[in-house]
Amino acid sequence: MAEGPQNGADRENNTDRLRDLEKRLSRMTPKPEAERPKAAYDQAHIAWRMVIELVAGIGLGFGIGFGLDYLFGTTPFLMILFVFLGFAAGIKTMMRTASELGTKPGETAPDREKRD
């Protein structure tokens, strides 16, 4: 249980302890053993995932645009705008999935390493 409010030093100590625990746990957990990249055995799954991501983006854009058009009375304007925004979001998500194709299971995609 907590003894009281923590000051900055206590929080920093807890953060260091959590990082140390994460490092020890990552060393202890076994990595999947795979010599081939994901694309070698999982192409159909990734292709369907990319299609679903694109359709979901368009569908969400359509739903949001249709709802806002109904709410504001601007017949097709917002629906068309949000369908294009959903299409752009779906393409962006597909590109992120495509960047994972060359990685092995358990690895992160190169673009995700830059962001972390």
PDB file of N, CA and C in Angstrom:
ATOM      1  N   MET A   1       0.828  -1.186   0.000  1.00  0.00           N
ATOM      2  CA  MET A   1       0.000   0.000   0.000  1.00  0.00           C
ATOM      3  C   MET A   1       0.869   1.245   0.000  1.00  0.00           C
ATOM      4  N   ALA A   2       0.333   2.315  -0.438  1.00  0.00           N
ATOM      5  CA  ALA A   2       1.074   3.567  -0.485  1.00  0.00           C
ATOM      6  C   ALA A   2       1.111   4.190   0.901  1.00  0.00           C
ATOM      7  N   GLU A   3       2.284   4.737   1.245  1.00  0.00           N
ATOM      8  CA  GLU A   3       2.445   5.362   2.561  1.00  0.00           C
ATOM      9  C   GLU A   3       2.046   6.828   2.545  1.00  0.00           C
ATOM     10  N   GLY A   4       1.921   7.406   1.401  1.00  0.00           N
ATOM     11  CA  GLY A   4       1.589   8.822   1.313  1.00  0.00           C
ATOM     12  C   GLY A   4       1.966   9.349  -0.052  1.00  0.00           C
ATOM     13  N   PRO A   5       1.837  10.638  -0.237  1.00  0.00           N
ATOM     14  CA  PRO A   5       2.196  11.205  -1.533  1.00  0.00           C
ATOM     15  C   PRO A   5       3.687  11.044  -1.800  1.00  0.00           C
ATOM     16  N   GLN A   6       3.997  10.838  -3.066  1.00  0.00           N
ATOM     17  CA  GLN A   6       5.389  10.644  -3.452  1.00  0.00           C
ATOM     18  C   GLN A   6       5.956  11.935  -4.003  1.00  0.00           C
ATOM     19  N   ASN A   7       7.229  12.154  -3.714  1.00  0.00           N
ATOM     20  CA  ASN A   7       7.887  13.316  -4.301  1.00  0.00           C
ATOM     21  C   ASN A   7       8.590  12.890  -5.578  1.00  0.00           C
ATOM     22  N   GLY A   8       9.289  13.796  -6.228  1.00  0.00           N
ATOM     23  CA  GLY A   8       9.926  13.517  -7.513  1.00  0.00           C
ATOM     24  C   GLY A   8      10.975  12.428  -7.433  1.00  0.00           C
ATOM     25  N   ALA A   9      11.726  12.381  -6.354  1.00  0.00           N
ATOM     26  CA  ALA A   9      12.779  11.365  -6.218  1.00  0.00           C
ATOM     27  C   ALA A   9      12.175   9.963  -6.100  1.00  0.00           C
ATOM     28  N   ASP A  10      11.077   9.843  -5.356  1.00  0.00           N
ATOM     29  CA  ASP A  10      10.423   8.542  -5.227  1.00  0.00           C
ATOM     30  C   ASP A  10       9.878   8.061  -6.565  1.00  0.00           C
ATOM     31  N   ARG A  11       9.282   8.967  -7.303  1.00  0.00           N
ATOM     32  CA  ARG A  11       8.746   8.593  -8.616  1.00  0.00           C
ATOM     33  C   ARG A  11       9.865   8.185  -9.560  1.00  0.00           C
ATOM     34  N   GLU A  12      10.973   8.913  -9.513  1.00  0.00           N
ATOM     35  CA  GLU A  12      12.111   8.588 -10.363  1.00  0.00           C
ATOM     36  C   GLU A  12      12.678   7.220  -9.992  1.00  0.00           C
ATOM     37  N   ASN A  13      12.728   6.926  -8.706  1.00  0.00           N
ATOM     38  CA  ASN A  13      13.201   5.625  -8.239  1.00  0.00           C
ATOM     39  C   ASN A  13      12.275   4.516  -8.739  1.00  0.00           C
ATOM     40  N   ASN A  14      10.970   4.745  -8.667  1.00  0.00           N
ATOM     41  CA  ASN A  14      10.012   3.751  -9.161  1.00  0.00           C
ATOM     42  C   ASN A  14      10.144   3.555 -10.665  1.00  0.00           C
ATOM     43  N   THR A  15      10.361   4.631 -11.401  1.00  0.00           N
ATOM     44  CA  THR A  15      10.533   4.532 -12.845  1.00  0.00           C
ATOM     45  C   THR A  15      11.763   3.708 -13.184  1.00  0.00           C
ATOM     46  N   ASP A  16      12.856   3.949 -12.467  1.00  0.00           N
ATOM     47  CA  ASP A  16      14.075   3.171 -12.700  1.00  0.00           C
ATOM     48  C   ASP A  16      13.854   1.697 -12.374  1.00  0.00           C
ATOM     49  N   ARG A  17      13.147   1.429 -11.299  1.00  0.00           N
ATOM     50  CA  ARG A  17      12.858   0.039 -10.923  1.00  0.00           C
ATOM     51  C   ARG A  17      11.996  -0.647 -11.973  1.00  0.00           C
ATOM     52  N   LEU A  18      11.009   0.064 -12.519  1.00  0.00           N
ATOM     53  CA  LEU A  18      10.157  -0.514 -13.553  1.00  0.00           C
ATOM     54  C   LEU A  18      10.940  -0.793 -14.826  1.00  0.00           C
ATOM     55  N   ARG A  19      11.823   0.116 -15.214  1.00  0.00           N
ATOM     56  CA  ARG A  19      12.649  -0.120 -16.401  1.00  0.00           C
ATOM     57  C   ARG A  19      13.557  -1.331 -16.209  1.00  0.00           C
ATOM     58  N   ASP A  20      14.134  -1.448 -15.021  1.00  0.00           N
ATOM     59  CA  ASP A  20      14.986  -2.596 -14.725  1.00  0.00           C
ATOM     60  C   ASP A  20      14.184  -3.892 -14.798  1.00  0.00           C
ATOM     61  N   LEU A  21      12.966  -3.864 -14.240  1.00  0.00           N
ATOM     62  CA  LEU A  21      12.106  -5.053 -14.296  1.00  0.00           C
ATOM     63  C   LEU A  21      11.757  -5.412 -15.732  1.00  0.00           C
ATOM     64  N   GLU A  22      11.433  -4.419 -16.561  1.00  0.00           N
ATOM     65  CA  GLU A  22      11.114  -4.685 -17.963  1.00  0.00           C
ATOM     66  C   GLU A  22      12.299  -5.292 -18.701  1.00  0.00           C
ATOM     67  N   LYS A  23      13.516  -4.794 -18.429  1.00  0.00           N
ATOM     68  CA  LYS A  23      14.702  -5.354 -19.078  1.00  0.00           C
ATOM     69  C   LYS A  23      14.916  -6.808 -18.667  1.00  0.00           C
ATOM     70  N   ARG A  24      14.763  -7.088 -17.377  1.00  0.00           N
ATOM     71  CA  ARG A  24      14.958  -8.464 -16.914  1.00  0.00           C
ATOM     72  C   ARG A  24      13.898  -9.395 -17.491  1.00  0.00           C
ATOM     73  N   LEU A  25      12.655  -8.926 -17.559  1.00  0.00           N
ATOM     74  CA  LEU A  25      11.592  -9.755 -18.128  1.00  0.00           C
ATOM     75  C   LEU A  25      11.801  -9.987 -19.621  1.00  0.00           C
ATOM     76  N   SER A  26      12.271  -8.978 -20.342  1.00  0.00           N
ATOM     77  CA  SER A  26      12.490  -9.156 -21.776  1.00  0.00           C
ATOM     78  C   SER A  26      13.625 -10.141 -22.041  1.00  0.00           C
ATOM     79  N   ARG A  27      14.621 -10.182 -21.150  1.00  0.00           N
ATOM     80  CA  ARG A  27      15.691 -11.160 -21.311  1.00  0.00           C
ATOM     81  C   ARG A  27      15.207 -12.574 -21.014  1.00  0.00           C
ATOM     82  N   MET A  28      14.247 -12.704 -20.111  1.00  0.00           N
ATOM     83  CA  MET A  28      13.783 -14.024 -19.696  1.00  0.00           C
ATOM     84  C   MET A  28      12.738 -14.612 -20.643  1.00  0.00           C
ATOM     85  N   THR A  29      11.970 -13.766 -21.319  1.00  0.00           N
ATOM     86  CA  THR A  29      10.942 -14.283 -22.218  1.00  0.00           C
ATOM     87  C   THR A  29      11.581 -14.779 -23.500  1.00  0.00           C
ATOM     88  N   PRO A  30      11.203 -15.953 -23.939  1.00  0.00           N
ATOM     89  CA  PRO A  30      11.814 -16.492 -25.163  1.00  0.00           C
ATOM     90  C   PRO A  30      11.286 -15.767 -26.397  1.00  0.00           C
ATOM     91  N   LYS A  31      12.176 -15.540 -27.323  1.00  0.00           N
ATOM     92  CA  LYS A  31      11.815 -14.937 -28.603  1.00  0.00           C
ATOM     93  C   LYS A  31      11.356 -16.045 -29.549  1.00  0.00           C
ATOM     94  N   PRO A  32      10.368 -15.774 -30.398  1.00  0.00           N
ATOM     95  CA  PRO A  32       9.959 -16.798 -31.348  1.00  0.00           C
ATOM     96  C   PRO A  32      11.095 -17.118 -32.317  1.00  0.00           C
ATOM     97  N   GLU A  33      11.263 -18.375 -32.569  1.00  0.00           N
ATOM     98  CA  GLU A  33      12.333 -18.788 -33.464  1.00  0.00           C
ATOM     99  C   GLU A  33      11.786 -18.927 -34.879  1.00  0.00           C
ATOM    100  N   ALA A  34      12.124 -17.983 -35.704  1.00  0.00           N
ATOM    101  CA  ALA A  34      11.699 -18.005 -37.093  1.00  0.00           C
ATOM    102  C   ALA A  34      12.830 -17.441 -37.938  1.00  0.00           C
ATOM    103  N   GLU A  35      13.161 -18.156 -38.971  1.00  0.00           N
ATOM    104  CA  GLU A  35      14.236 -17.692 -39.835  1.00  0.00           C
ATOM    105  C   GLU A  35      13.703 -16.922 -41.031  1.00  0.00           C
ATOM    106  N   ARG A  36      12.442 -17.141 -41.359  1.00  0.00           N
ATOM    107  CA  ARG A  36      11.870 -16.470 -42.521  1.00  0.00           C
ATOM    108  C   ARG A  36      11.135 -15.212 -42.085  1.00  0.00           C
ATOM    109  N   PRO A  37      11.062 -14.218 -42.955  1.00  0.00           N
ATOM    110  CA  PRO A  37      10.253 -13.044 -42.623  1.00  0.00           C
ATOM    111  C   PRO A  37       8.769 -13.401 -42.608  1.00  0.00           C
ATOM    112  N   LYS A  38       7.996 -12.513 -42.034  1.00  0.00           N
ATOM    113  CA  LYS A  38       6.561 -12.747 -41.921  1.00  0.00           C
ATOM    114  C   LYS A  38       5.912 -12.990 -43.279  1.00  0.00           C
ATOM    115  N   ALA A  39       6.366 -12.290 -44.300  1.00  0.00           N
ATOM    116  CA  ALA A  39       5.731 -12.379 -45.615  1.00  0.00           C
ATOM    117  C   ALA A  39       5.867 -13.771 -46.224  1.00  0.00           C
ATOM    118  N   ALA A  40       6.823 -14.568 -45.771  1.00  0.00           N
ATOM    119  CA  ALA A  40       7.049 -15.872 -46.374  1.00  0.00           C
ATOM    120  C   ALA A  40       5.924 -16.861 -46.078  1.00  0.00           C
ATOM    121  N   TYR A  41       5.292 -16.760 -44.965  1.00  0.00           N
ATOM    122  CA  TYR A  41       4.258 -17.740 -44.629  1.00  0.00           C
ATOM    123  C   TYR A  41       2.914 -17.111 -44.301  1.00  0.00           C
ATOM    124  N   ASP A  42       2.843 -15.821 -44.276  1.00  0.00           N
ATOM    125  CA  ASP A  42       1.626 -15.178 -43.795  1.00  0.00           C
ATOM    126  C   ASP A  42       1.065 -14.168 -44.792  1.00  0.00           C
ATOM    127  N   GLN A  43       1.323 -14.365 -46.070  1.00  0.00           N
ATOM    128  CA  GLN A  43       0.955 -13.360 -47.068  1.00  0.00           C
ATOM    129  C   GLN A  43      -0.550 -13.159 -47.175  1.00  0.00           C
ATOM    130  N   ALA A  44      -1.309 -14.244 -47.174  1.00  0.00           N
ATOM    131  CA  ALA A  44      -2.763 -14.109 -47.320  1.00  0.00           C
ATOM    132  C   ALA A  44      -3.366 -13.372 -46.132  1.00  0.00           C
ATOM    133  N   HIS A  45      -2.885 -13.699 -44.942  1.00  0.00           N
ATOM    134  CA  HIS A  45      -3.397 -13.032 -43.749  1.00  0.00           C
ATOM    135  C   HIS A  45      -3.109 -11.527 -43.799  1.00  0.00           C
ATOM    136  N   ILE A  46      -1.910 -11.167 -44.183  1.00  0.00           N
ATOM    137  CA  ILE A  46      -1.543  -9.748 -44.235  1.00  0.00           C
ATOM    138  C   ILE A  46      -2.303  -9.035 -45.347  1.00  0.00           C
ATOM    139  N   ALA A  47      -2.529  -9.716 -46.474  1.00  0.00           N
ATOM    140  CA  ALA A  47      -3.291  -9.098 -47.570  1.00  0.00           C
ATOM    141  C   ALA A  47      -4.722  -8.800 -47.120  1.00  0.00           C
ATOM    142  N   TRP A  48      -5.354  -9.751 -46.445  1.00  0.00           N
ATOM    143  CA  TRP A  48      -6.715  -9.519 -45.962  1.00  0.00           C
ATOM    144  C   TRP A  48      -6.731  -8.430 -44.891  1.00  0.00           C
ATOM    145  N   ARG A  49      -5.718  -8.410 -44.062  1.00  0.00           N
ATOM    146  CA  ARG A  49      -5.636  -7.373 -43.036  1.00  0.00           C
ATOM    147  C   ARG A  49      -5.564  -5.992 -43.676  1.00  0.00           C
ATOM    148  N   MET A  50      -4.773  -5.871 -44.744  1.00  0.00           N
ATOM    149  CA  MET A  50      -4.639  -4.577 -45.417  1.00  0.00           C
ATOM    150  C   MET A  50      -5.954  -4.160 -46.076  1.00  0.00           C
ATOM    151  N   VAL A  51      -6.655  -5.108 -46.686  1.00  0.00           N
ATOM    152  CA  VAL A  51      -7.952  -4.799 -47.305  1.00  0.00           C
ATOM    153  C   VAL A  51      -8.946  -4.344 -46.247  1.00  0.00           C
ATOM    154  N   ILE A  52      -8.972  -5.049 -45.122  1.00  0.00           N
ATOM    155  CA  ILE A  52      -9.911  -4.697 -44.052  1.00  0.00           C
ATOM    156  C   ILE A  52      -9.585  -3.324 -43.474  1.00  0.00           C
ATOM    157  N   GLU A  53      -8.287  -3.008 -43.349  1.00  0.00           N
ATOM    158  CA  GLU A  53      -7.914  -1.687 -42.847  1.00  0.00           C
ATOM    159  C   GLU A  53      -8.397  -0.581 -43.782  1.00  0.00           C
ATOM    160  N   LEU A  54      -8.270  -0.797 -45.074  1.00  0.00           N
ATOM    161  CA  LEU A  54      -8.712   0.213 -46.036  1.00  0.00           C
ATOM    162  C   LEU A  54     -10.229   0.371 -46.005  1.00  0.00           C
ATOM    163  N   VAL A  55     -10.944  -0.749 -46.026  1.00  0.00           N
ATOM    164  CA  VAL A  55     -12.411  -0.699 -46.024  1.00  0.00           C
ATOM    165  C   VAL A  55     -12.933  -0.108 -44.714  1.00  0.00           C
ATOM    166  N   ALA A  56     -12.279  -0.435 -43.594  1.00  0.00           N
ATOM    167  CA  ALA A  56     -12.699   0.127 -42.309  1.00  0.00           C
ATOM    168  C   ALA A  56     -12.504   1.637 -42.285  1.00  0.00           C
ATOM    169  N   GLY A  57     -11.401   2.124 -42.837  1.00  0.00           N
ATOM    170  CA  GLY A  57     -11.180   3.569 -42.889  1.00  0.00           C
ATOM    171  C   GLY A  57     -12.237   4.274 -43.717  1.00  0.00           C
ATOM    172  N   ILE A  58     -12.550   3.705 -44.871  1.00  0.00           N
ATOM    173  CA  ILE A  58     -13.578   4.301 -45.731  1.00  0.00           C
ATOM    174  C   ILE A  58     -14.942   4.226 -45.055  1.00  0.00           C
ATOM    175  N   GLY A  59     -15.232   3.077 -44.440  1.00  0.00           N
ATOM    176  CA  GLY A  59     -16.524   2.908 -43.764  1.00  0.00           C
ATOM    177  C   GLY A  59     -16.701   3.862 -42.594  1.00  0.00           C
ATOM    178  N   LEU A  60     -15.661   4.025 -41.790  1.00  0.00           N
ATOM    179  CA  LEU A  60     -15.751   4.971 -40.680  1.00  0.00           C
ATOM    180  C   LEU A  60     -15.900   6.400 -41.188  1.00  0.00           C
ATOM    181  N   GLY A  61     -15.165   6.738 -42.239  1.00  0.00           N
ATOM    182  CA  GLY A  61     -15.303   8.071 -42.816  1.00  0.00           C
ATOM    183  C   GLY A  61     -16.710   8.316 -43.343  1.00  0.00           C
ATOM    184  N   PHE A  62     -17.264   7.293 -44.014  1.00  0.00           N
ATOM    185  CA  PHE A  62     -18.627   7.416 -44.516  1.00  0.00           C
ATOM    186  C   PHE A  62     -19.614   7.607 -43.372  1.00  0.00           C
ATOM    187  N   GLY A  63     -19.472   6.804 -42.327  1.00  0.00           N
ATOM    188  CA  GLY A  63     -20.396   6.893 -41.195  1.00  0.00           C
ATOM    189  C   GLY A  63     -20.334   8.234 -40.497  1.00  0.00           C
ATOM    190  N   ILE A  64     -19.140   8.711 -40.248  1.00  0.00           N
ATOM    191  CA  ILE A  64     -18.991  10.007 -39.581  1.00  0.00           C
ATOM    192  C   ILE A  64     -19.515  11.126 -40.474  1.00  0.00           C
ATOM    193  N   GLY A  65     -19.170  11.084 -41.758  1.00  0.00           N
ATOM    194  CA  GLY A  65     -19.639  12.125 -42.679  1.00  0.00           C
ATOM    195  C   GLY A  65     -21.143  12.117 -42.850  1.00  0.00           C
ATOM    196  N   PHE A  66     -21.722  10.926 -42.968  1.00  0.00           N
ATOM    197  CA  PHE A  66     -23.180  10.824 -43.111  1.00  0.00           C
ATOM    198  C   PHE A  66     -23.881  11.349 -41.867  1.00  0.00           C
ATOM    199  N   GLY A  67     -23.340  10.986 -40.698  1.00  0.00           N
ATOM    200  CA  GLY A  67     -23.937  11.461 -39.442  1.00  0.00           C
ATOM    201  C   GLY A  67     -23.862  12.970 -39.308  1.00  0.00           C
ATOM    202  N   LEU A  68     -22.729  13.544 -39.656  1.00  0.00           N
ATOM    203  CA  LEU A  68     -22.599  14.996 -39.570  1.00  0.00           C
ATOM    204  C   LEU A  68     -23.462  15.705 -40.613  1.00  0.00           C
ATOM    205  N   ASP A  69     -23.576  15.114 -41.807  1.00  0.00           N
ATOM    206  CA  ASP A  69     -24.471  15.693 -42.817  1.00  0.00           C
ATOM    207  C   ASP A  69     -25.913  15.680 -42.336  1.00  0.00           C
ATOM    208  N   TYR A  70     -26.307  14.592 -41.717  1.00  0.00           N
ATOM    209  CA  TYR A  70     -27.675  14.485 -41.200  1.00  0.00           C
ATOM    210  C   TYR A  70     -27.887  15.509 -40.082  1.00  0.00           C
ATOM    211  N   LEU A  71     -26.882  15.675 -39.235  1.00  0.00           N
ATOM    212  CA  LEU A  71     -26.987  16.583 -38.101  1.00  0.00           C
ATOM    213  C   LEU A  71     -27.031  18.044 -38.544  1.00  0.00           C
ATOM    214  N   PHE A  72     -26.170  18.410 -39.490  1.00  0.00           N
ATOM    215  CA  PHE A  72     -26.081  19.810 -39.914  1.00  0.00           C
ATOM    216  C   PHE A  72     -26.918  20.135 -41.145  1.00  0.00           C
ATOM    217  N   GLY A  73     -27.416  19.128 -41.852  1.00  0.00           N
ATOM    218  CA  GLY A  73     -28.228  19.363 -43.032  1.00  0.00           C
ATOM    219  C   GLY A  73     -27.426  19.732 -44.263  1.00  0.00           C
ATOM    220  N   THR A  74     -26.154  19.421 -44.290  1.00  0.00           N
ATOM    221  CA  THR A  74     -25.310  19.692 -45.455  1.00  0.00           C
ATOM    222  C   THR A  74     -25.230  18.412 -46.274  1.00  0.00           C
ATOM    223  N   THR A  75     -26.149  18.238 -47.187  1.00  0.00           N
ATOM    224  CA  THR A  75     -26.420  16.955 -47.828  1.00  0.00           C
ATOM    225  C   THR A  75     -25.195  16.096 -48.137  1.00  0.00           C
ATOM    226  N   PRO A  76     -24.435  16.257 -49.214  1.00  0.00           N
ATOM    227  CA  PRO A  76     -23.366  15.270 -49.410  1.00  0.00           C
ATOM    228  C   PRO A  76     -21.969  15.782 -49.061  1.00  0.00           C
ATOM    229  N   PHE A  77     -21.853  17.048 -48.653  1.00  0.00           N
ATOM    230  CA  PHE A  77     -20.538  17.667 -48.523  1.00  0.00           C
ATOM    231  C   PHE A  77     -19.634  16.955 -47.509  1.00  0.00           C
ATOM    232  N   LEU A  78     -20.084  16.834 -46.277  1.00  0.00           N
ATOM    233  CA  LEU A  78     -19.237  16.245 -45.235  1.00  0.00           C
ATOM    234  C   LEU A  78     -19.022  14.752 -45.453  1.00  0.00           C
ATOM    235  N   MET A  79     -20.005  14.076 -46.035  1.00  0.00           N
ATOM    236  CA  MET A  79     -19.846  12.651 -46.305  1.00  0.00           C
ATOM    237  C   MET A  79     -18.701  12.432 -47.298  1.00  0.00           C
ATOM    238  N   ILE A  80     -18.669  13.217 -48.344  1.00  0.00           N
ATOM    239  CA  ILE A  80     -17.602  13.083 -49.342  1.00  0.00           C
ATOM    240  C   ILE A  80     -16.251  13.433 -48.713  1.00  0.00           C
ATOM    241  N   LEU A  81     -16.215  14.495 -47.934  1.00  0.00           N
ATOM    242  CA  LEU A  81     -14.977  14.908 -47.276  1.00  0.00           C
ATOM    243  C   LEU A  81     -14.440  13.800 -46.359  1.00  0.00           C
ATOM    244  N   PHE A  82     -15.318  13.234 -45.532  1.00  0.00           N
ATOM    245  CA  PHE A  82     -14.871  12.218 -44.586  1.00  0.00           C
ATOM    246  C   PHE A  82     -14.580  10.876 -45.250  1.00  0.00           C
ATOM    247  N   VAL A  83     -15.210  10.589 -46.383  1.00  0.00           N
ATOM    248  CA  VAL A  83     -14.845   9.373 -47.124  1.00  0.00           C
ATOM    249  C   VAL A  83     -13.403   9.503 -47.613  1.00  0.00           C
ATOM    250  N   PHE A  84     -13.032  10.675 -48.119  1.00  0.00           N
ATOM    251  CA  PHE A  84     -11.645  10.880 -48.553  1.00  0.00           C
ATOM    252  C   PHE A  84     -10.674  10.846 -47.372  1.00  0.00           C
ATOM    253  N   LEU A  85     -11.070  11.417 -46.240  1.00  0.00           N
ATOM    254  CA  LEU A  85     -10.209  11.354 -45.057  1.00  0.00           C
ATOM    255  C   LEU A  85     -10.061   9.914 -44.563  1.00  0.00           C
ATOM    256  N   GLY A  86     -11.147   9.146 -44.610  1.00  0.00           N
ATOM    257  CA  GLY A  86     -11.083   7.734 -44.226  1.00  0.00           C
ATOM    258  C   GLY A  86     -10.223   6.932 -45.184  1.00  0.00           C
ATOM    259  N   PHE A  87     -10.300   7.257 -46.468  1.00  0.00           N
ATOM    260  CA  PHE A  87      -9.456   6.598 -47.459  1.00  0.00           C
ATOM    261  C   PHE A  87      -7.982   6.887 -47.172  1.00  0.00           C
ATOM    262  N   ALA A  88      -7.665   8.145 -46.859  1.00  0.00           N
ATOM    263  CA  ALA A  88      -6.277   8.511 -46.547  1.00  0.00           C
ATOM    264  C   ALA A  88      -5.802   7.797 -45.284  1.00  0.00           C
ATOM    265  N   ALA A  89      -6.661   7.703 -44.275  1.00  0.00           N
ATOM    266  CA  ALA A  89      -6.282   6.999 -43.045  1.00  0.00           C
ATOM    267  C   ALA A  89      -6.086   5.515 -43.318  1.00  0.00           C
ATOM    268  N   GLY A  90      -6.931   4.929 -44.163  1.00  0.00           N
ATOM    269  CA  GLY A  90      -6.782   3.518 -44.516  1.00  0.00           C
ATOM    270  C   GLY A  90      -5.491   3.256 -45.266  1.00  0.00           C
ATOM    271  N   ILE A  91      -5.122   4.153 -46.179  1.00  0.00           N
ATOM    272  CA  ILE A  91      -3.867   4.005 -46.917  1.00  0.00           C
ATOM    273  C   ILE A  91      -2.677   4.120 -45.961  1.00  0.00           C
ATOM    274  N   LYS A  92      -2.740   5.061 -45.031  1.00  0.00           N
ATOM    275  CA  LYS A  92      -1.650   5.226 -44.071  1.00  0.00           C
ATOM    276  C   LYS A  92      -1.493   3.962 -43.226  1.00  0.00           C
ATOM    277  N   THR A  93      -2.592   3.387 -42.792  1.00  0.00           N
ATOM    278  CA  THR A  93      -2.534   2.164 -41.991  1.00  0.00           C
ATOM    279  C   THR A  93      -2.021   1.004 -42.829  1.00  0.00           C
ATOM    280  N   MET A  94      -2.430   0.930 -44.097  1.00  0.00           N
ATOM    281  CA  MET A  94      -1.920  -0.122 -44.982  1.00  0.00           C
ATOM    282  C   MET A  94      -0.411   0.007 -45.167  1.00  0.00           C
ATOM    283  N   MET A  95       0.088   1.220 -45.290  1.00  0.00           N
ATOM    284  CA  MET A  95       1.526   1.415 -45.458  1.00  0.00           C
ATOM    285  C   MET A  95       2.290   0.991 -44.211  1.00  0.00           C
ATOM    286  N   ARG A  96       1.707   1.227 -43.055  1.00  0.00           N
ATOM    287  CA  ARG A  96       2.338   0.786 -41.816  1.00  0.00           C
ATOM    288  C   ARG A  96       2.380  -0.738 -41.754  1.00  0.00           C
ATOM    289  N   THR A  97       1.320  -1.386 -42.207  1.00  0.00           N
ATOM    290  CA  THR A  97       1.296  -2.845 -42.244  1.00  0.00           C
ATOM    291  C   THR A  97       2.302  -3.362 -43.256  1.00  0.00           C
ATOM    292  N   ALA A  98       2.415  -2.701 -44.392  1.00  0.00           N
ATOM    293  CA  ALA A  98       3.362  -3.132 -45.418  1.00  0.00           C
ATOM    294  C   ALA A  98       4.798  -3.025 -44.931  1.00  0.00           C
ATOM    295  N   SER A  99       5.078  -2.087 -44.041  1.00  0.00           N
ATOM    296  CA  SER A  99       6.435  -1.961 -43.522  1.00  0.00           C
ATOM    297  C   SER A  99       6.802  -3.124 -42.610  1.00  0.00           C
ATOM    298  N   GLU A 100       5.809  -3.854 -42.124  1.00  0.00           N
ATOM    299  CA  GLU A 100       6.054  -5.006 -41.264  1.00  0.00           C
ATOM    300  C   GLU A 100       6.391  -6.262 -42.060  1.00  0.00           C
ATOM    301  N   LEU A 101       6.208  -6.243 -43.366  1.00  0.00           N
ATOM    302  CA  LEU A 101       6.380  -7.453 -44.160  1.00  0.00           C
ATOM    303  C   LEU A 101       7.788  -8.022 -44.104  1.00  0.00           C
ATOM    304  N   GLY A 102       8.800  -7.201 -44.042  1.00  0.00           N
ATOM    305  CA  GLY A 102      10.170  -7.692 -44.044  1.00  0.00           C
ATOM    306  C   GLY A 102      10.688  -8.089 -42.681  1.00  0.00           C
ATOM    307  N   THR A 103       9.899  -7.902 -41.625  1.00  0.00           N
ATOM    308  CA  THR A 103      10.388  -8.208 -40.284  1.00  0.00           C
ATOM    309  C   THR A 103      10.097  -9.654 -39.922  1.00  0.00           C
ATOM    310  N   LYS A 104      10.844 -10.145 -38.981  1.00  0.00           N
ATOM    311  CA  LYS A 104      10.609 -11.488 -38.456  1.00  0.00           C
ATOM    312  C   LYS A 104       9.682 -11.387 -37.251  1.00  0.00           C
ATOM    313  N   PRO A 105       8.974 -12.461 -36.892  1.00  0.00           N
ATOM    314  CA  PRO A 105       8.110 -12.405 -35.715  1.00  0.00           C
ATOM    315  C   PRO A 105       8.911 -12.027 -34.473  1.00  0.00           C
ATOM    316  N   GLY A 106       8.373 -11.128 -33.680  1.00  0.00           N
ATOM    317  CA  GLY A 106       9.039 -10.673 -32.474  1.00  0.00           C
ATOM    318  C   GLY A 106       9.855  -9.410 -32.674  1.00  0.00           C
ATOM    319  N   GLU A 107      10.096  -9.003 -33.915  1.00  0.00           N
ATOM    320  CA  GLU A 107      10.830  -7.773 -34.191  1.00  0.00           C
ATOM    321  C   GLU A 107       9.840  -6.641 -34.410  1.00  0.00           C
ATOM    322  N   THR A 108      10.326  -5.424 -34.298  1.00  0.00           N
ATOM    323  CA  THR A 108       9.484  -4.275 -34.618  1.00  0.00           C
ATOM    324  C   THR A 108       9.865  -3.762 -35.991  1.00  0.00           C
ATOM    325  N   ALA A 109       8.931  -3.124 -36.632  1.00  0.00           N
ATOM    326  CA  ALA A 109       9.179  -2.556 -37.958  1.00  0.00           C
ATOM    327  C   ALA A 109      10.171  -1.403 -37.824  1.00  0.00           C
ATOM    328  N   PRO A 110      10.968  -1.139 -38.851  1.00  0.00           N
ATOM    329  CA  PRO A 110      11.982  -0.076 -38.768  1.00  0.00           C
ATOM    330  C   PRO A 110      11.401   1.292 -38.455  1.00  0.00           C
ATOM    331  N   ASP A 111      10.222   1.635 -38.994  1.00  0.00           N
ATOM    332  CA  ASP A 111       9.659   2.948 -38.736  1.00  0.00           C
ATOM    333  C   ASP A 111       9.159   3.078 -37.311  1.00  0.00           C
ATOM    334  N   ARG A 112       8.805   1.984 -36.678  1.00  0.00           N
ATOM    335  CA  ARG A 112       8.353   2.045 -35.287  1.00  0.00           C
ATOM    336  C   ARG A 112       9.520   2.263 -34.347  1.00  0.00           C
ATOM    337  N   GLU A 113      10.708   1.796 -34.691  1.00  0.00           N
ATOM    338  CA  GLU A 113      11.865   2.007 -33.851  1.00  0.00           C
ATOM    339  C   GLU A 113      12.212   3.490 -33.785  1.00  0.00           C
ATOM    340  N   LYS A 114      12.001   4.208 -34.880  1.00  0.00           N
ATOM    341  CA  LYS A 114      12.293   5.644 -34.911  1.00  0.00           C
ATOM    342  C   LYS A 114      11.366   6.410 -33.979  1.00  0.00           C
ATOM    343  N   ARG A 115      10.088   5.983 -33.912  1.00  0.00           N
ATOM    344  CA  ARG A 115       9.107   6.695 -33.100  1.00  0.00           C
ATOM    345  C   ARG A 115       9.281   6.417 -31.622  1.00  0.00           C
ATOM    346  N   ASP A 116       9.776   5.241 -31.245  1.00  0.00           N
ATOM    347  CA  ASP A 116       9.896   4.883 -29.822  1.00  0.00           C
ATOM    348  C   ASP A 116      11.101   5.479 -29.169  1.00  0.00           C
TER     349      ASP A 116
END
